[in-house]
Protein backbone atom coordinates (compact mmCIF):
# COMPACT_ATOMS: atom_id res chain seq x y z
CA MET A 1 -192.23 -2.88 -84.18
CA SER A 2 -195.56 -4.62 -84.14
CA ASP A 3 -197.13 -5.57 -80.44
CA ALA A 4 -197.42 -9.41 -82.26
CA LEU A 5 -193.75 -8.92 -81.91
CA LYS A 6 -192.68 -7.03 -79.14
CA ALA A 7 -195.06 -10.14 -77.19
CA LYS A 8 -192.60 -12.94 -79.26
CA ILE A 9 -189.57 -11.18 -78.05
CA ALA A 10 -190.84 -11.03 -74.75
CA ASP A 11 -192.05 -14.57 -74.52
CA VAL A 12 -188.71 -15.61 -75.94
CA PHE A 13 -187.02 -13.41 -73.66
CA ASN A 14 -188.73 -15.37 -70.32
CA GLU A 15 -187.67 -18.60 -71.98
CA PRO A 16 -187.71 -20.64 -68.48
CA ALA A 17 -185.16 -23.66 -69.99
CA CYS A 18 -182.59 -21.09 -70.95
CA ASP A 19 -180.16 -20.75 -67.31
CA LYS A 20 -178.17 -18.32 -69.31
CA ASN A 21 -181.28 -16.04 -69.32
CA GLN A 22 -182.73 -17.20 -66.13
CA ALA A 23 -179.46 -16.68 -64.20
CA LYS A 24 -180.19 -12.81 -64.62
CA ASP A 25 -182.53 -10.17 -62.37
CA GLU A 26 -185.40 -8.79 -63.97
CA LYS A 27 -183.96 -5.81 -64.94
CA ALA A 28 -181.51 -7.87 -66.81
CA ARG A 29 -184.37 -10.00 -68.36
CA LYS A 30 -185.57 -7.17 -69.71
CA LYS A 31 -183.12 -6.17 -72.00
CA GLY A 32 -182.93 -9.42 -73.00
CA CYS A 33 -179.85 -10.40 -75.01
CA SER A 34 -178.63 -7.43 -76.38
CA LYS A 35 -175.08 -6.00 -75.39
CA PRO A 36 -173.80 -2.25 -75.56
CA LEU A 37 -172.12 -1.88 -78.51
CA THR A 38 -168.13 -0.36 -78.88
CA PRO A 39 -168.06 2.48 -81.37
CA GLY A 40 -166.07 0.95 -84.35
CA ALA A 41 -166.43 -2.43 -83.61
CA ALA A 42 -167.91 -5.06 -85.30
CA ALA A 43 -171.57 -5.39 -84.19
CA GLY A 44 -171.54 -9.36 -84.48
CA GLY A 45 -174.80 -10.68 -86.49
CA CYS A 46 -177.97 -9.69 -85.62
CA ALA A 47 -181.49 -11.07 -85.58
CA PHE A 48 -182.11 -11.49 -88.97
CA ASP A 49 -178.90 -12.80 -89.75
CA GLY A 50 -179.70 -15.70 -86.71
CA ALA A 51 -182.52 -16.41 -88.40
CA LYS A 52 -181.74 -17.17 -91.85
CA ILE A 53 -178.26 -19.20 -90.06
CA ALA A 54 -180.65 -21.54 -88.19
CA LEU A 55 -183.85 -21.39 -91.31
CA GLN A 56 -181.49 -21.94 -94.10
CA PRO A 57 -179.97 -25.48 -94.15
CA ILE A 58 -184.25 -26.23 -94.82
CA THR A 59 -183.17 -27.28 -98.54
CA ASP A 60 -186.41 -27.84 -100.27
CA VAL A 61 -188.15 -24.47 -99.70
CA VAL A 62 -187.48 -20.75 -101.12
CA HIS A 63 -185.91 -18.14 -98.59
CA LEU A 64 -187.43 -14.92 -99.52
CA ILE A 65 -186.04 -11.92 -98.10
CA HIS A 66 -188.00 -9.29 -97.99
CA GLY A 67 -186.55 -6.33 -97.95
CA PRO A 68 -183.13 -4.51 -99.22
CA LEU A 69 -180.48 -6.17 -101.78
CA ALA A 70 -178.10 -5.61 -99.36
CA CYS A 71 -179.37 -7.64 -95.91
CA GLU A 72 -179.36 -10.78 -98.17
CA GLY A 73 -176.46 -9.98 -100.15
CA ASN A 74 -174.73 -10.23 -96.77
CA SER A 75 -176.33 -13.44 -95.15
CA TRP A 76 -176.69 -15.04 -98.00
CA ASP A 77 -174.50 -18.90 -97.97
CA ASN A 78 -172.39 -17.92 -94.93
CA ARG A 79 -172.48 -21.97 -94.04
CA ASN A 80 -171.13 -24.73 -95.44
CA SER A 81 -174.35 -26.64 -94.91
CA ALA A 82 -174.67 -29.29 -97.26
CA SER A 83 -177.95 -31.54 -98.81
CA SER A 84 -178.36 -34.99 -99.85
CA GLY A 85 -181.22 -33.40 -102.36
CA GLU A 86 -182.65 -30.32 -102.62
CA LYS A 87 -180.64 -27.69 -104.08
CA THR A 88 -183.47 -25.01 -103.74
CA TYR A 89 -181.73 -23.46 -100.52
CA ARG A 90 -179.03 -22.42 -102.56
CA VAL A 91 -180.72 -19.90 -104.73
CA SER A 92 -181.12 -16.10 -103.61
CA PHE A 93 -184.29 -14.52 -103.30
CA THR A 94 -185.42 -11.44 -102.08
CA THR A 95 -187.97 -8.74 -102.89
CA ASP A 96 -185.21 -5.67 -103.78
CA MET A 97 -186.89 -3.31 -101.73
CA SER A 98 -185.45 0.27 -103.28
CA GLU A 99 -186.22 4.41 -102.47
CA LEU A 100 -189.27 4.43 -104.53
CA ASP A 101 -191.13 1.32 -102.94
CA ILE A 102 -190.46 3.14 -99.52
CA ILE A 103 -192.07 6.40 -100.39
CA MET A 104 -194.56 4.82 -102.21
CA GLY A 105 -195.92 1.88 -99.72
CA ASN A 106 -195.42 -0.68 -102.04
CA GLY A 107 -193.21 -2.88 -100.03
CA GLU A 108 -196.11 -5.33 -99.27
CA LYS A 109 -197.35 -5.45 -102.58
CA ARG A 110 -193.90 -6.18 -104.14
CA LEU A 111 -193.63 -9.11 -101.60
CA TYR A 112 -197.23 -10.29 -102.51
CA ARG A 113 -195.61 -10.23 -106.68
CA ALA A 114 -192.52 -11.90 -105.81
CA ILE A 115 -194.69 -14.67 -103.63
CA LYS A 116 -196.22 -15.54 -106.84
CA ASP A 117 -193.13 -15.59 -109.58
CA VAL A 118 -191.58 -18.31 -107.75
CA ILE A 119 -194.11 -20.30 -107.05
CA ALA A 120 -194.59 -20.19 -110.95
CA LYS A 121 -191.05 -20.94 -111.47
CA TYR A 122 -189.65 -23.04 -108.75
CA ASP A 123 -193.19 -24.65 -107.00
CA PRO A 124 -191.59 -25.12 -103.81
CA PRO A 125 -193.70 -26.80 -100.52
CA ALA A 126 -192.73 -24.23 -98.78
CA ILE A 127 -192.01 -20.49 -98.52
CA PHE A 128 -189.92 -18.90 -95.95
CA ILE A 129 -190.70 -15.40 -95.84
CA TYR A 130 -187.56 -12.65 -93.54
CA GLN A 131 -188.68 -9.61 -92.66
CA THR A 132 -186.24 -7.48 -92.31
CA CYS A 133 -185.60 -3.78 -90.74
CA VAL A 134 -186.80 -1.51 -93.61
CA PRO A 135 -190.23 -3.06 -94.02
CA ALA A 136 -190.55 -3.38 -90.85
CA MET A 137 -190.01 0.27 -89.36
CA ILE A 138 -191.82 1.42 -91.85
CA GLY A 139 -195.19 -1.29 -91.01
CA ASP A 140 -195.23 -3.35 -94.16
CA ASP A 141 -197.36 -6.95 -92.57
CA VAL A 142 -195.55 -9.63 -93.75
CA GLU A 143 -197.44 -11.89 -91.90
CA GLY A 144 -200.88 -10.34 -93.12
CA VAL A 145 -199.06 -10.60 -96.55
CA CYS A 146 -198.03 -14.32 -95.88
CA ARG A 147 -201.98 -15.58 -94.66
CA HIS A 148 -203.20 -13.96 -98.14
CA ALA A 149 -200.91 -15.75 -100.06
CA THR A 150 -200.89 -18.88 -98.43
CA GLU A 151 -204.92 -18.53 -99.11
CA LYS A 152 -204.78 -17.47 -102.54
CA LEU A 153 -201.81 -19.32 -104.04
CA GLY A 154 -202.17 -22.91 -102.23
CA THR A 155 -198.48 -23.17 -100.96
CA PRO A 156 -197.90 -21.99 -97.13
CA CYS A 157 -195.96 -19.01 -96.31
CA VAL A 158 -194.11 -18.95 -93.47
CA PRO A 159 -193.46 -14.88 -91.63
CA VAL A 160 -190.35 -15.28 -89.86
CA ASN A 161 -190.23 -12.11 -88.46
CA ALA A 162 -187.13 -11.24 -87.11
CA PRO A 163 -185.73 -7.91 -88.20
CA GLY A 164 -182.16 -7.11 -87.67
CA PHE A 165 -182.80 -4.43 -84.61
CA VAL A 166 -184.77 -6.24 -82.92
CA GLY A 167 -182.00 -7.82 -81.29
CA PRO A 168 -178.73 -9.55 -82.21
CA LYS A 169 -178.03 -13.45 -83.56
CA ASN A 170 -179.05 -15.51 -81.26
CA LEU A 171 -182.43 -14.08 -80.09
CA GLY A 172 -183.14 -14.44 -84.23
CA ASN A 173 -182.34 -18.17 -83.50
CA LYS A 174 -185.25 -18.90 -81.08
CA LEU A 175 -186.93 -15.96 -83.06
CA ALA A 176 -186.94 -18.35 -85.97
CA GLY A 177 -187.82 -22.08 -83.82
CA GLU A 178 -190.82 -19.36 -82.54
CA ALA A 179 -191.98 -19.33 -86.87
CA LEU A 180 -191.32 -23.47 -87.18
CA LEU A 181 -193.55 -23.87 -83.86
CA ASP A 182 -195.96 -21.56 -84.76
CA HIS A 183 -196.52 -22.37 -88.69
CA VAL A 184 -194.61 -25.48 -89.68
CA ILE A 185 -194.48 -28.45 -86.52
CA GLY A 186 -197.80 -30.36 -86.50
CA THR A 187 -199.18 -28.88 -89.77
CA ILE A 188 -198.97 -32.26 -91.21
CA GLU A 189 -199.94 -35.87 -89.67
CA PRO A 190 -197.20 -38.65 -91.31
CA ASP A 191 -198.69 -41.65 -91.93
CA ASP A 192 -195.77 -43.66 -91.02
CA ALA A 193 -194.91 -42.80 -87.15
CA GLY A 194 -192.43 -45.75 -85.25
CA PRO A 195 -191.32 -46.38 -81.75
CA CYS A 196 -188.21 -45.26 -82.92
CA ASP A 197 -188.44 -41.79 -84.44
CA ILE A 198 -186.38 -39.30 -83.14
CA ASN A 199 -186.18 -35.59 -83.87
CA ILE A 200 -182.24 -33.31 -83.85
CA ILE A 201 -182.25 -30.09 -83.51
CA GLY A 202 -179.61 -27.17 -83.71
CA GLU A 203 -177.70 -29.43 -86.28
CA TYR A 204 -177.24 -27.93 -89.32
CA ASN A 205 -174.88 -30.32 -91.11
CA LEU A 206 -171.82 -28.86 -91.86
CA SER A 207 -169.59 -29.86 -94.51
CA GLY A 208 -171.99 -33.23 -94.07
CA GLU A 209 -171.43 -33.98 -90.14
CA LEU A 210 -175.38 -35.40 -89.96
CA TRP A 211 -174.22 -38.03 -92.74
CA GLN A 212 -171.72 -39.21 -90.37
CA ILE A 213 -174.34 -39.62 -87.38
CA LYS A 214 -177.48 -40.47 -89.47
CA PRO A 215 -175.86 -44.68 -90.08
CA LEU A 216 -175.25 -45.14 -86.75
CA PHE A 217 -178.71 -44.82 -85.56
CA GLU A 218 -180.25 -46.47 -88.83
CA ALA A 219 -177.74 -49.20 -87.76
CA LEU A 220 -179.48 -49.67 -84.31
CA GLY A 221 -183.34 -49.23 -86.51
CA ILE A 222 -183.66 -45.62 -85.26
CA ARG A 223 -184.73 -42.89 -87.82
CA ILE A 224 -184.00 -39.67 -87.58
CA ARG A 225 -187.59 -38.27 -88.80
CA ALA A 226 -186.80 -34.24 -88.92
CA CYS A 227 -183.26 -32.99 -88.72
CA MET A 228 -183.41 -28.98 -87.36
CA SER A 229 -182.34 -27.51 -90.12
CA GLY A 230 -179.89 -29.17 -91.87
CA ASP A 231 -180.22 -31.29 -95.05
CA GLY A 232 -183.90 -31.20 -93.27
CA ARG A 233 -187.21 -31.34 -95.65
CA TYR A 234 -190.17 -29.39 -94.91
CA THR A 235 -192.72 -31.75 -94.42
CA GLU A 236 -190.32 -33.82 -92.21
CA ILE A 237 -190.32 -31.01 -89.96
CA ALA A 238 -194.03 -30.14 -90.29
CA GLY A 239 -194.28 -34.19 -89.09
CA ALA A 240 -191.80 -33.71 -86.29
CA HIS A 241 -194.15 -33.67 -83.80
CA ARG A 242 -194.49 -37.54 -83.67
CA ALA A 243 -191.42 -38.44 -83.21
CA LYS A 244 -190.02 -39.58 -79.53
CA VAL A 245 -187.32 -38.21 -78.66
CA ASN A 246 -185.91 -34.92 -79.41
CA LEU A 247 -182.07 -34.79 -79.55
CA MET A 248 -180.54 -30.86 -78.63
CA VAL A 249 -177.04 -30.34 -79.77
CA CYS A 250 -177.03 -26.40 -79.65
CA SER A 251 -179.28 -25.55 -77.08
CA THR A 252 -178.61 -21.78 -76.95
CA ALA A 253 -179.89 -21.97 -80.33
CA LEU A 254 -183.26 -23.08 -80.24
CA ILE A 255 -184.36 -24.14 -76.91
CA ASN A 256 -187.79 -23.14 -76.81
CA VAL A 257 -188.46 -25.45 -79.90
CA ALA A 258 -187.22 -28.53 -77.79
CA ARG A 259 -189.20 -27.59 -74.53
CA LYS A 260 -192.48 -26.26 -76.45
CA MET A 261 -192.65 -29.65 -78.49
CA GLU A 262 -192.45 -31.35 -74.69
CA GLU A 263 -195.12 -28.94 -73.33
CA ARG A 264 -197.57 -29.48 -76.08
CA TRP A 265 -196.53 -33.02 -78.08
CA GLY A 266 -194.66 -34.92 -74.29
CA ILE A 267 -191.92 -35.72 -76.36
CA PRO A 268 -188.99 -35.73 -74.37
CA TYR A 269 -185.25 -34.48 -75.03
CA PHE A 270 -181.57 -34.32 -73.67
CA GLU A 271 -178.62 -31.67 -74.84
CA CYS A 272 -175.81 -34.27 -76.89
CA SER A 273 -173.15 -34.16 -78.37
CA PHE A 274 -171.80 -35.62 -81.43
CA TYR A 275 -167.91 -35.11 -81.17
CA GLY A 276 -165.67 -37.76 -79.58
CA LEU A 277 -165.81 -40.79 -78.67
CA SER A 278 -166.68 -41.04 -75.20
CA ASP A 279 -169.71 -38.08 -76.28
CA MET A 280 -171.23 -40.08 -78.83
CA ASN A 281 -171.15 -43.05 -77.07
CA LEU A 282 -173.22 -41.30 -74.20
CA THR A 283 -175.76 -40.06 -76.55
CA LEU A 284 -176.81 -43.51 -78.57
CA ARG A 285 -177.03 -44.72 -74.84
CA THR A 286 -178.81 -41.47 -73.66
CA THR A 287 -181.33 -41.73 -77.30
CA ALA A 288 -181.45 -45.68 -76.61
CA ARG A 289 -183.09 -45.56 -72.78
CA LEU A 290 -185.12 -42.27 -73.87
CA LEU A 291 -186.74 -44.49 -76.62
CA VAL A 292 -186.76 -48.21 -74.28
CA ASP A 293 -189.08 -45.40 -71.99
CA GLN A 294 -191.31 -44.52 -74.86
CA GLY A 295 -191.91 -47.68 -75.84
CA ALA A 296 -189.46 -49.15 -78.14
CA PRO A 297 -187.65 -52.68 -78.07
CA ALA A 298 -186.26 -53.44 -75.03
CA ASP A 299 -183.29 -55.41 -76.95
CA LEU A 300 -182.30 -51.83 -78.36
CA ILE A 301 -179.86 -51.07 -75.25
CA GLU A 302 -177.78 -54.38 -75.60
CA ARG A 303 -177.88 -53.78 -79.32
CA THR A 304 -176.51 -50.30 -78.74
CA GLU A 305 -173.66 -51.00 -76.40
CA ALA A 306 -172.17 -53.76 -79.12
CA LEU A 307 -172.26 -51.08 -81.94
CA ILE A 308 -170.67 -48.87 -79.41
CA ALA A 309 -168.28 -51.97 -78.52
CA ARG A 310 -167.77 -52.15 -82.48
CA GLU A 311 -167.20 -48.57 -83.37
CA GLU A 312 -165.06 -47.40 -80.67
CA ALA A 313 -162.46 -50.35 -81.17
CA ASN A 314 -162.40 -49.60 -85.29
CA ALA A 315 -162.13 -45.60 -84.04
CA TRP A 316 -158.98 -46.27 -81.41
CA ALA A 317 -157.57 -49.05 -83.94
CA ARG A 318 -157.26 -45.76 -86.58
CA ILE A 319 -156.19 -42.83 -84.56
CA GLU A 320 -153.34 -45.03 -82.20
CA ARG A 321 -150.87 -43.82 -85.39
CA TYR A 322 -151.51 -40.28 -84.48
CA ARG A 323 -151.53 -40.74 -80.76
CA ALA A 324 -147.98 -40.65 -79.84
CA GLU A 325 -147.40 -37.63 -81.99
CA LEU A 326 -150.04 -35.90 -80.81
CA LYS A 327 -150.09 -36.78 -76.72
CA GLY A 328 -148.87 -33.50 -74.67
CA LYS A 329 -149.30 -31.24 -77.50
CA ARG A 330 -151.21 -27.60 -75.87
CA VAL A 331 -153.66 -26.57 -77.83
CA MET A 332 -155.68 -23.14 -77.46
CA LEU A 333 -159.63 -23.57 -78.07
CA TYR A 334 -161.12 -20.52 -79.55
CA THR A 335 -164.79 -20.84 -80.15
CA GLY A 336 -168.19 -20.62 -78.10
CA GLY A 337 -171.16 -22.84 -76.53
CA VAL A 338 -171.70 -26.00 -77.54
CA LYS A 339 -168.07 -26.62 -78.79
CA SER A 340 -166.49 -25.35 -75.57
CA TRP A 341 -166.77 -28.35 -73.94
CA SER A 342 -167.55 -31.41 -76.57
CA ILE A 343 -164.07 -29.68 -78.55
CA VAL A 344 -162.42 -29.85 -75.16
CA ALA A 345 -163.23 -33.70 -73.98
CA ALA A 346 -162.23 -35.33 -77.71
CA LEU A 347 -159.21 -33.93 -77.58
CA GLN A 348 -158.36 -34.75 -74.11
CA GLU A 349 -158.93 -38.06 -75.35
CA ILE A 350 -155.78 -38.74 -77.63
CA GLY A 351 -153.89 -37.00 -74.67
CA MET A 352 -153.45 -33.29 -75.81
CA LYS A 353 -153.91 -30.45 -73.21
CA ILE A 354 -155.70 -28.15 -73.45
CA VAL A 355 -154.44 -24.28 -72.71
CA SER A 356 -157.50 -22.56 -72.26
CA THR A 357 -161.33 -22.65 -74.15
CA SER A 358 -163.21 -19.74 -74.64
CA VAL A 359 -167.10 -20.06 -73.12
CA ARG A 360 -168.79 -17.35 -75.39
CA LYS A 361 -172.00 -17.82 -75.99
CA SER A 362 -171.54 -20.65 -73.79
CA THR A 363 -174.09 -20.90 -71.04
CA GLU A 364 -173.58 -21.77 -67.01
CA GLU A 365 -174.14 -25.66 -67.82
CA ASP A 366 -171.51 -25.56 -70.05
CA LYS A 367 -169.01 -24.50 -67.90
CA GLU A 368 -170.20 -26.67 -65.24
CA ARG A 369 -168.96 -29.45 -67.75
CA ILE A 370 -165.76 -27.37 -68.52
CA LYS A 371 -164.86 -27.66 -64.95
CA ALA A 372 -166.07 -31.36 -64.54
CA ILE A 373 -163.62 -32.47 -67.76
CA MET A 374 -160.87 -30.51 -67.40
CA GLU A 375 -157.99 -30.55 -64.74
CA ASP A 376 -157.11 -27.08 -64.97
CA PRO A 377 -160.02 -25.56 -66.13
CA HIS A 378 -159.33 -22.01 -67.84
CA MET A 379 -161.73 -19.99 -69.40
CA VAL A 380 -161.54 -17.53 -71.23
CA GLU A 381 -164.77 -14.89 -72.73
CA SER A 382 -163.93 -12.49 -75.63
CA VAL A 383 -159.58 -12.68 -76.47
CA PRO A 384 -158.51 -9.60 -77.98
CA PRO A 385 -156.57 -10.38 -81.31
CA ARG A 386 -153.24 -8.68 -79.47
CA GLU A 387 -153.46 -10.42 -76.35
CA MET A 388 -154.05 -14.16 -78.47
CA TYR A 389 -151.15 -13.02 -81.03
CA ALA A 390 -149.30 -12.39 -78.15
CA GLN A 391 -149.85 -15.47 -75.94
CA LEU A 392 -149.10 -17.22 -79.35
CA LYS A 393 -145.91 -15.88 -80.39
CA ARG A 394 -144.32 -16.44 -76.55
CA GLY A 395 -145.53 -20.34 -77.06
CA ASP A 396 -148.40 -20.89 -75.01
CA ALA A 397 -149.65 -23.01 -77.35
CA ASP A 398 -148.92 -25.43 -80.05
CA ILE A 399 -151.74 -24.91 -82.17
CA LEU A 400 -154.58 -23.07 -82.25
CA LEU A 401 -158.05 -24.09 -83.28
CA SER A 402 -160.77 -21.87 -83.89
CA GLY A 403 -162.95 -20.08 -86.27
CA GLY A 404 -161.84 -18.22 -89.71
CA LYS A 405 -161.71 -14.85 -88.47
CA SER A 406 -158.48 -15.87 -85.74
CA GLN A 407 -157.03 -17.77 -88.57
CA PHE A 408 -154.62 -14.19 -89.14
CA VAL A 409 -153.56 -14.52 -85.61
CA ALA A 410 -152.10 -17.86 -85.63
CA LEU A 411 -150.21 -17.25 -89.17
CA LYS A 412 -149.04 -13.94 -87.81
CA ALA A 413 -148.02 -15.81 -84.79
CA LYS A 414 -146.69 -18.54 -86.82
CA VAL A 415 -148.02 -21.32 -85.58
CA PRO A 416 -150.09 -24.57 -87.12
CA TRP A 417 -154.05 -23.24 -87.02
CA LEU A 418 -157.34 -25.97 -87.33
CA ASP A 419 -160.56 -24.53 -88.09
CA ILE A 420 -163.10 -25.46 -86.04
CA ASN A 421 -166.37 -23.24 -86.94
CA GLN A 422 -168.86 -23.21 -89.21
CA GLU A 423 -166.74 -22.47 -91.77
CA ARG A 424 -164.44 -25.81 -92.20
CA HIS A 425 -164.16 -28.31 -94.93
CA HIS A 426 -163.81 -31.44 -92.63
CA ALA A 427 -166.99 -33.11 -91.06
CA PHE A 428 -165.07 -33.93 -86.89
CA ALA A 429 -168.87 -36.28 -86.38
CA GLY A 430 -169.42 -39.30 -84.53
CA TYR A 431 -166.72 -41.71 -84.93
CA ASP A 432 -165.00 -41.27 -88.39
CA GLY A 433 -165.00 -37.43 -87.22
CA MET A 434 -162.72 -38.52 -84.84
CA VAL A 435 -160.64 -40.30 -86.75
CA THR A 436 -160.92 -36.91 -89.24
CA LEU A 437 -160.69 -34.91 -86.36
CA VAL A 438 -157.19 -36.31 -85.59
CA ARG A 439 -155.92 -36.62 -89.12
CA GLU A 440 -156.04 -33.25 -89.43
CA LEU A 441 -154.60 -32.58 -86.43
CA ALA A 442 -151.33 -34.20 -86.82
CA LYS A 443 -151.25 -33.20 -90.76
CA SER A 444 -151.24 -29.43 -89.57
CA LEU A 445 -149.27 -30.28 -86.54
CA ARG A 446 -146.41 -32.27 -88.67
CA ASN A 447 -146.66 -29.56 -91.89
CA PRO A 448 -142.66 -28.56 -92.86
CA ILE A 449 -144.22 -25.07 -93.68
CA TRP A 450 -143.98 -23.49 -89.93
CA GLU A 451 -140.47 -24.51 -89.42
CA ASP A 452 -139.58 -22.90 -92.08
CA ILE A 453 -140.78 -19.87 -91.50
CA ARG A 454 -139.75 -19.94 -88.30
CA ARG A 455 -136.16 -19.96 -89.50
CA PRO A 456 -134.49 -16.12 -89.58
CA ALA A 457 -134.12 -14.13 -92.75
CA PRO A 458 -130.75 -14.53 -93.67
CA TRP A 459 -130.10 -10.85 -93.32
CA ASP A 460 -131.17 -11.46 -90.01
CA ALA A 461 -129.13 -14.81 -88.75
CA PRO A 462 -126.49 -14.47 -86.83
CA SER A 463 -122.97 -14.98 -89.05
CA GLY A 464 -122.38 -18.58 -90.38
CA ALA A 465 -125.79 -19.71 -89.76
CA PHE A 466 -127.09 -19.07 -92.69
CA PRO A 467 -125.77 -21.52 -95.61
CA PHE A 468 -125.73 -18.46 -98.17
CA ALA A 469 -122.95 -20.31 -100.20
CA GLU A 470 -125.56 -23.91 -100.26
CA ILE A 471 -128.24 -21.27 -101.49
CA GLU A 472 -125.50 -19.75 -104.12
CA GLY A 473 -124.45 -23.23 -105.59
CA HIS A 474 -128.60 -24.16 -106.42
CA ARG A 475 -128.68 -20.49 -108.19
CA SER A 476 -125.79 -20.57 -110.38
């Protein structure tokens, strides 16, 4: 590991805006975000994976992975992030290092040739080049190759120095943010900066959620100058330093970007949520207030209140038809981070009861918010599948909301399940997203398949309880 990378990791580990890190003692802080691995168990995402997740939704640049083919093969297209235009990010690029390249020390030459080929064929506004474990261990100077290629070829080549072995996915998120701060943000001076420009940090436009939020801001005359990184464009992010306010959607991922932008360019930031009506209202109000403080027209606050009243009334009118069948239903929420409290608030608004919510990847601030909004805050860390199955099987919850990895536990327990993580195909942000969430919950709970699969099989049913005669008559 190079000295520059060691210094960068040490800087990230000492991030003053990360309350989870600052709560550790000095010895624990030196260990960073890593945790001991259990032999035979899945280790989760590595730093490279985290960096790729954070940056790949930038749609118009080439994302070039320097390393063996498997690194890109295992990480490509692992999030359902949508684009309103450019599709370059959907193309997979890798230098495909082989054993011969490693032995002969050809990695840097291979990388430079790949950069030249990509520019000749795609002419992107920039290339993001990801360092992986193998070239990092043999000493390939990716940053040096990027500097040389930028000078010779004229296309910005951004080194993302986050090899997998340096730590877990969360560390990779922050190293990706450091790459943006060091090589992208502030490199282009926009000529159209306005008093109502904002950036959204940590929003990945999963299933098009950004597009449910953008019209609300546009209706108020607020422009999203850059989104980092969902549906993002290189030039937008390069000029993001001229925004007036930053909205942090997932603080554990890119908090270093928000804090350092405030430090360098004086841009205030706050953590927000787009899930649920109350949280969406609060986000709009806080954005308007901060923009007015930064010089936006004073009537922005009044117009924001009018928009909130109109959109909230419209959303409740569409939700009303579902409230009776959802009220009192028990939910087990197994996710983490900002969703551990933002989804809780949304579900409680429609009268559902939260049995438990997981706090994996959640900060201490996230946990305090859960305590503030839940009547009986039952927070859990990682739940083994066997224990989760037992809880669902004995009827502790009516539905499980989680990521795709937990769906089979719910299906085995014959309990409804709804995808709430990044693999989902429905957008749940904003007022329209809240209506969509309520509709999908109702559809899942009322699906007749659950009643059918819970009935005992004919050979297990009590005598006379199963209509064999009807079945035989149907067959005849």
